Amino acid sequence: VLVAAGILCTAFDNMLEMLKFLWEFNAVMAASFWCGLKWRRATRPGAWASLIVAATMFILIPVGLPLVFPGMRTSESLLRTTRERRIVEVYAASRRDVEMRAQEIARWPGAGAPAPLHIGDPVRRNMVMPPSSLYWSEGIKVSHGARRGAGMFNVDMYLIDRCWDLSGNPHALNETVRYAYKVLLPFLVLIVVSLATPADEGTEVELFFLRMRTVVRTDRKADERAVAAAYADPSSTRSVLLFPRTRLEFMKWDRSGTIGFLLAVVASASVVGLLWLVLHFGA
């Protein structure tokens, strides 16, 4: 853990990129975790293949290649960026915009000062979206007059760019493509390898899924009786399955599941709503 933490700290120079990497790291385990719980056809070779491919593509190559071949960081072919984009944003003036316009008018030298703003007036703002690196996690930095890629090398974006020119896309779209690739690749590898290898069958597998279908009781004795009843009559647990005639282990929603989902939606919406309020009405 300490060695990994040390390598991680030296690979990034800001907390945001480090936090994004930690979020993305979950993609390495996600396919094995969810398919292991929800798809009975998932196999051990499929899980191992998914873990190895994801860890190699998302961690080992991005970190290892620049260490083995440091010249990559200054190679012009690997310093491709998106194109600069100019955007005109139109929005309703906030209190902050009104105050800033008043300060601008007060500092204006001579005639021709801009008209005062009122809250709700339309405001046009010209924005320039600077170029962003396609392949390097921390962008391109200039050192001693030379451009140099910083952070990890996103080999996935390099491969995608070979098939589909990413330089004309907004940076946000490229980030979406990168996240989608990292989510889908481990699942794809696991599914293909699992279908090509013998299914994991046996008593342990059956008991595992019977336990997963049984609602956990707060009373331990009651919980043990419920599990024993499920083991004694496996067919009694199939009524909770959403697709009982398939190998999928998705459960039907009950009242508590619905309430939990709605609370999660409300909590997520609250976070987004709070961010929107801060951006639009903050000082």
Protein backbone atom coordinates (compact mmCIF):
# COMPACT_ATOMS: atom_id res chain seq x y z
CA VAL A 1 0.00 0.00 0.00
CA LEU A 2 2.81 2.41 0.87
CA VAL A 3 4.70 1.72 -2.36
CA ALA A 4 1.52 2.19 -4.42
CA ALA A 5 0.73 5.41 -2.55
CA GLY A 6 4.23 6.73 -3.24
CA ILE A 7 3.97 5.96 -6.96
CA LEU A 8 0.53 7.55 -7.11
CA CYS A 9 1.74 10.75 -5.44
CA THR A 10 4.66 11.11 -7.86
CA ALA A 11 2.43 10.51 -10.90
CA PHE A 12 0.19 13.54 -10.22
CA ASP A 13 0.81 17.15 -9.30
CA ASN A 14 -2.73 18.13 -8.27
CA MET A 15 -5.42 16.63 -6.10
CA LEU A 16 -8.17 16.77 -8.73
CA GLU A 17 -6.36 14.48 -11.18
CA MET A 18 -5.45 12.12 -8.32
CA LEU A 19 -9.09 12.00 -7.22
CA LYS A 20 -10.25 11.31 -10.80
CA PHE A 21 -7.76 8.47 -11.05
CA LEU A 22 -9.03 6.90 -7.82
CA TRP A 23 -12.59 7.07 -9.17
CA GLU A 24 -11.47 5.47 -12.43
CA PHE A 25 -9.57 2.75 -10.56
CA ASN A 26 -12.93 1.25 -9.59
CA ALA A 27 -13.43 0.34 -13.25
CA VAL A 28 -10.75 -2.35 -12.87
CA MET A 29 -12.87 -4.22 -10.31
CA ALA A 30 -16.40 -3.22 -11.37
CA ALA A 31 -17.01 -5.88 -14.02
CA SER A 32 -15.84 -8.79 -11.86
CA PHE A 33 -17.82 -7.50 -8.89
CA TRP A 34 -21.15 -6.87 -10.61
CA CYS A 35 -21.06 -9.81 -13.03
CA GLY A 36 -20.04 -12.08 -10.17
CA LEU A 37 -23.15 -10.99 -8.27
CA LYS A 38 -25.67 -10.67 -11.07
CA TRP A 39 -24.70 -13.09 -13.87
CA ARG A 40 -24.38 -16.79 -13.12
CA ARG A 41 -22.55 -17.43 -16.39
CA ALA A 42 -19.57 -15.33 -15.25
CA THR A 43 -16.50 -17.53 -14.72
CA ARG A 44 -13.22 -17.30 -12.85
CA PRO A 45 -11.14 -17.09 -16.08
CA GLY A 46 -13.44 -14.31 -17.28
CA ALA A 47 -12.97 -12.38 -14.05
CA TRP A 48 -9.19 -12.79 -14.11
CA ALA A 49 -9.01 -11.80 -17.79
CA SER A 50 -11.08 -8.69 -17.08
CA LEU A 51 -8.91 -7.70 -14.10
CA ILE A 52 -5.63 -8.27 -15.95
CA VAL A 53 -6.68 -6.43 -19.14
CA ALA A 54 -8.17 -3.51 -17.20
CA ALA A 55 -5.20 -3.18 -14.85
CA THR A 56 -2.79 -3.35 -17.80
CA MET A 57 -4.65 -0.82 -19.95
CA PHE A 58 -5.68 1.57 -17.19
CA ILE A 59 -2.69 1.46 -14.81
CA LEU A 60 0.41 -0.48 -15.87
CA ILE A 61 0.79 0.90 -19.41
CA PRO A 62 -0.21 4.52 -18.61
CA VAL A 63 2.27 4.66 -15.71
CA GLY A 64 4.95 2.29 -17.02
CA LEU A 65 5.41 3.39 -20.64
CA PRO A 66 6.64 6.94 -19.83
CA LEU A 67 9.02 5.49 -17.24
CA VAL A 68 10.52 2.99 -19.69
CA PHE A 69 10.48 5.38 -22.67
CA PRO A 70 10.84 8.93 -21.24
CA GLY A 71 11.21 10.32 -24.76
CA MET A 72 7.46 9.79 -25.19
CA ARG A 73 6.81 12.94 -23.18
CA THR A 74 8.45 15.17 -25.79
CA SER A 75 7.44 13.28 -28.95
CA GLU A 76 5.46 15.67 -31.18
CA SER A 77 3.17 12.88 -32.37
CA LEU A 78 2.11 12.27 -28.76
CA LEU A 79 1.54 15.94 -27.97
CA ARG A 80 -1.63 16.26 -30.03
CA THR A 81 -4.30 18.52 -28.60
CA THR A 82 -7.87 19.51 -29.25
CA ARG A 83 -8.40 22.62 -31.37
CA GLU A 84 -9.08 25.97 -29.74
CA ARG A 85 -12.80 26.70 -29.64
CA ARG A 86 -14.59 30.05 -29.30
CA ILE A 87 -18.00 30.02 -27.63
CA VAL A 88 -20.55 32.79 -27.13
CA GLU A 89 -22.48 32.22 -23.92
CA VAL A 90 -25.79 34.03 -23.34
CA TYR A 91 -27.26 34.02 -19.83
CA ALA A 92 -29.34 36.14 -17.44
CA ALA A 93 -27.37 38.64 -15.38
CA SER A 94 -26.95 37.83 -11.70
CA ARG A 95 -26.29 40.19 -8.81
CA ARG A 96 -22.59 39.55 -9.22
CA ASP A 97 -22.73 40.54 -12.91
CA VAL A 98 -24.53 43.78 -12.00
CA GLU A 99 -21.87 44.64 -9.41
CA MET A 100 -19.02 43.86 -11.79
CA ARG A 101 -20.58 46.03 -14.54
CA ALA A 102 -20.97 48.92 -12.07
CA GLN A 103 -17.28 48.60 -11.12
CA GLU A 104 -16.34 48.49 -14.80
CA ILE A 105 -18.32 51.69 -15.48
CA ALA A 106 -16.72 53.43 -12.49
CA ARG A 107 -13.22 52.64 -13.82
CA TRP A 108 -14.05 53.51 -17.44
CA PRO A 109 -11.80 56.31 -18.80
CA GLY A 110 -13.87 58.96 -20.57
CA ALA A 111 -16.96 58.47 -22.75
CA GLY A 112 -18.31 55.26 -24.26
CA ALA A 113 -18.78 53.35 -21.02
CA PRO A 114 -20.99 50.23 -21.23
CA ALA A 115 -24.62 50.53 -20.13
CA PRO A 116 -25.53 49.49 -16.58
CA LEU A 117 -26.92 46.01 -16.07
CA HIS A 118 -29.99 44.90 -14.17
CA ILE A 119 -30.64 41.49 -12.72
CA GLY A 120 -32.16 39.30 -15.42
CA ASP A 121 -30.79 41.29 -18.37
CA PRO A 122 -29.24 39.13 -21.12
CA VAL A 123 -25.47 38.99 -20.98
CA ARG A 124 -23.23 37.82 -23.81
CA ARG A 125 -19.82 36.52 -22.93
CA ASN A 126 -17.16 35.40 -25.38
CA MET A 127 -15.25 32.41 -24.11
CA VAL A 128 -12.15 30.76 -25.51
CA MET A 129 -11.75 27.06 -24.78
CA PRO A 130 -7.97 26.49 -24.91
CA PRO A 131 -6.51 23.35 -26.48
CA SER A 132 -6.23 20.36 -24.17
CA SER A 133 -4.01 17.30 -24.41
CA LEU A 134 -5.50 14.19 -25.96
CA TYR A 135 -3.13 11.66 -24.42
CA TRP A 136 -1.63 13.02 -21.19
CA SER A 137 -3.64 12.98 -17.97
CA GLU A 138 -2.21 16.29 -16.70
CA GLY A 139 -1.94 18.05 -20.01
CA ILE A 140 1.10 19.51 -21.74
CA LYS A 141 3.49 21.74 -19.84
CA VAL A 142 6.28 23.96 -21.14
CA SER A 143 9.69 23.52 -19.53
CA HIS A 144 12.80 25.38 -20.74
CA GLY A 145 10.98 26.31 -23.94
CA ALA A 146 10.02 22.71 -24.77
CA ARG A 147 6.59 21.14 -24.59
CA ARG A 148 6.33 18.05 -22.43
CA GLY A 149 3.47 15.64 -21.64
CA ALA A 150 2.66 15.45 -17.93
CA GLY A 151 1.06 12.71 -15.87
CA MET A 152 0.04 9.30 -17.18
CA PHE A 153 -0.16 8.37 -20.86
CA ASN A 154 -3.75 7.55 -21.82
CA VAL A 155 -3.06 4.68 -24.19
CA ASP A 156 -6.80 4.16 -24.66
CA MET A 157 -7.21 7.68 -26.08
CA TYR A 158 -4.20 7.11 -28.33
CA LEU A 159 -5.76 3.96 -29.78
CA ILE A 160 -9.18 5.59 -30.20
CA ASP A 161 -7.60 8.63 -31.88
CA ARG A 162 -6.03 6.33 -34.45
CA CYS A 163 -9.53 5.24 -35.53
CA TRP A 164 -11.50 8.43 -34.87
CA ASP A 165 -9.97 11.91 -34.92
CA LEU A 166 -10.53 13.33 -31.45
CA SER A 167 -8.85 16.70 -31.99
CA GLY A 168 -12.07 18.35 -33.19
CA ASN A 169 -14.08 17.30 -30.14
CA PRO A 170 -14.59 19.39 -27.01
CA HIS A 171 -12.46 18.22 -24.10
CA ALA A 172 -15.61 17.20 -22.20
CA LEU A 173 -16.68 14.88 -25.04
CA ASN A 174 -13.25 13.23 -25.12
CA GLU A 175 -13.42 12.71 -21.37
CA THR A 176 -16.84 11.08 -21.81
CA VAL A 177 -15.42 8.78 -24.49
CA ARG A 178 -12.55 7.84 -22.17
CA TYR A 179 -14.84 7.06 -19.24
CA ALA A 180 -17.21 5.04 -21.46
CA TYR A 181 -14.27 2.99 -22.77
CA LYS A 182 -13.02 2.30 -19.25
CA VAL A 183 -16.46 1.17 -18.13
CA LEU A 184 -17.26 -1.01 -21.16
CA LEU A 185 -13.91 -2.74 -21.85
CA PRO A 186 -13.73 -4.80 -18.60
CA PHE A 187 -17.35 -5.96 -19.03
CA LEU A 188 -16.74 -6.88 -22.67
CA VAL A 189 -13.61 -8.91 -21.83
CA LEU A 190 -15.35 -10.70 -18.95
CA ILE A 191 -18.42 -11.59 -21.03
CA VAL A 192 -16.43 -12.89 -24.02
CA VAL A 193 -14.01 -14.99 -21.93
CA SER A 194 -16.81 -16.30 -19.68
CA LEU A 195 -18.84 -17.47 -22.67
CA ALA A 196 -15.73 -19.19 -24.08
CA THR A 197 -14.95 -21.07 -20.84
CA PRO A 198 -16.92 -23.70 -18.88
CA ALA A 199 -19.51 -22.33 -16.47
CA ASP A 200 -18.74 -22.46 -12.76
CA GLU A 201 -21.22 -24.92 -11.30
CA GLY A 202 -21.43 -26.74 -8.00
CA THR A 203 -22.84 -26.59 -4.51
CA GLU A 204 -20.83 -23.54 -3.44
CA VAL A 205 -22.09 -21.48 -6.37
CA GLU A 206 -25.69 -22.51 -5.77
CA LEU A 207 -25.53 -21.76 -2.04
CA PHE A 208 -23.99 -18.36 -2.76
CA PHE A 209 -26.83 -17.26 -5.01
CA LEU A 210 -29.46 -18.70 -2.66
CA ARG A 211 -27.96 -16.60 0.11
CA MET A 212 -27.94 -13.51 -2.11
CA ARG A 213 -31.67 -13.95 -2.81
CA THR A 214 -32.53 -14.18 0.88
CA VAL A 215 -33.30 -10.89 2.61
CA VAL A 216 -31.03 -10.30 5.61
CA ARG A 217 -32.88 -10.20 8.95
CA THR A 218 -31.74 -8.06 11.84
CA ASP A 219 -32.50 -10.97 14.19
CA ARG A 220 -29.71 -13.50 13.74
CA LYS A 221 -31.84 -16.53 14.62
CA ALA A 222 -34.54 -15.46 12.16
CA ASP A 223 -31.88 -14.87 9.52
CA GLU A 224 -30.42 -18.35 10.02
CA ARG A 225 -33.89 -19.91 9.72
CA ALA A 226 -34.56 -17.98 6.48
CA VAL A 227 -31.24 -19.10 4.98
CA ALA A 228 -31.84 -22.73 6.04
CA ALA A 229 -35.29 -22.64 4.42
CA ALA A 230 -33.78 -21.31 1.18
CA TYR A 231 -31.14 -24.05 1.19
CA ALA A 232 -33.78 -26.70 1.83
CA ASP A 233 -36.08 -25.50 -0.97
CA PRO A 234 -34.10 -23.56 -3.62
CA SER A 235 -37.17 -23.13 -5.86
CA SER A 236 -38.83 -21.01 -3.19
CA THR A 237 -36.33 -18.21 -3.80
CA ARG A 238 -36.96 -17.87 -7.53
CA SER A 239 -40.03 -15.74 -6.96
CA VAL A 240 -37.81 -12.78 -6.05
CA LEU A 241 -35.99 -12.89 -9.39
CA LEU A 242 -36.90 -10.43 -12.11
CA PHE A 243 -35.86 -12.88 -14.86
CA PRO A 244 -36.30 -16.31 -13.24
CA ARG A 245 -35.76 -18.31 -16.45
CA THR A 246 -32.37 -16.79 -17.23
CA ARG A 247 -28.93 -16.77 -15.61
CA LEU A 248 -29.42 -13.17 -14.50
CA GLU A 249 -29.77 -12.60 -10.77
CA PHE A 250 -31.63 -9.28 -10.78
CA MET A 251 -34.14 -9.00 -7.95
CA LYS A 252 -37.62 -7.52 -8.12
CA TRP A 253 -37.99 -4.21 -6.36
CA ASP A 254 -39.88 -4.16 -3.12
CA ARG A 255 -41.00 -1.20 -1.04
CA SER A 256 -37.69 -0.75 0.78
CA GLY A 257 -35.71 -0.99 -2.47
CA THR A 258 -37.91 1.64 -4.11
CA ILE A 259 -37.57 3.99 -1.14
CA GLY A 260 -33.80 3.51 -1.07
CA PHE A 261 -33.50 4.23 -4.79
CA LEU A 262 -35.63 7.36 -4.56
CA LEU A 263 -33.60 8.63 -1.59
CA ALA A 264 -30.40 8.07 -3.58
CA VAL A 265 -31.85 10.03 -6.51
CA VAL A 266 -32.86 12.88 -4.18
CA ALA A 267 -29.40 12.94 -2.59
CA SER A 268 -27.68 13.03 -6.00
CA ALA A 269 -30.03 15.73 -7.27
CA SER A 270 -29.36 17.74 -4.12
CA VAL A 271 -25.62 17.71 -4.75
CA VAL A 272 -26.07 18.80 -8.37
CA GLY A 273 -28.65 21.41 -7.32
CA LEU A 274 -26.32 22.82 -4.67
CA LEU A 275 -23.53 23.13 -7.25
CA TRP A 276 -25.92 24.92 -9.64
CA LEU A 277 -26.98 27.37 -6.90
CA VAL A 278 -23.37 28.12 -5.99
CA LEU A 279 -22.43 28.75 -9.62
CA HIS A 280 -25.43 30.95 -10.39
CA PHE A 281 -25.99 32.85 -7.17
CA GLY A 282 -22.67 32.69 -5.37
CA ALA A 283 -20.61 35.77 -4.84
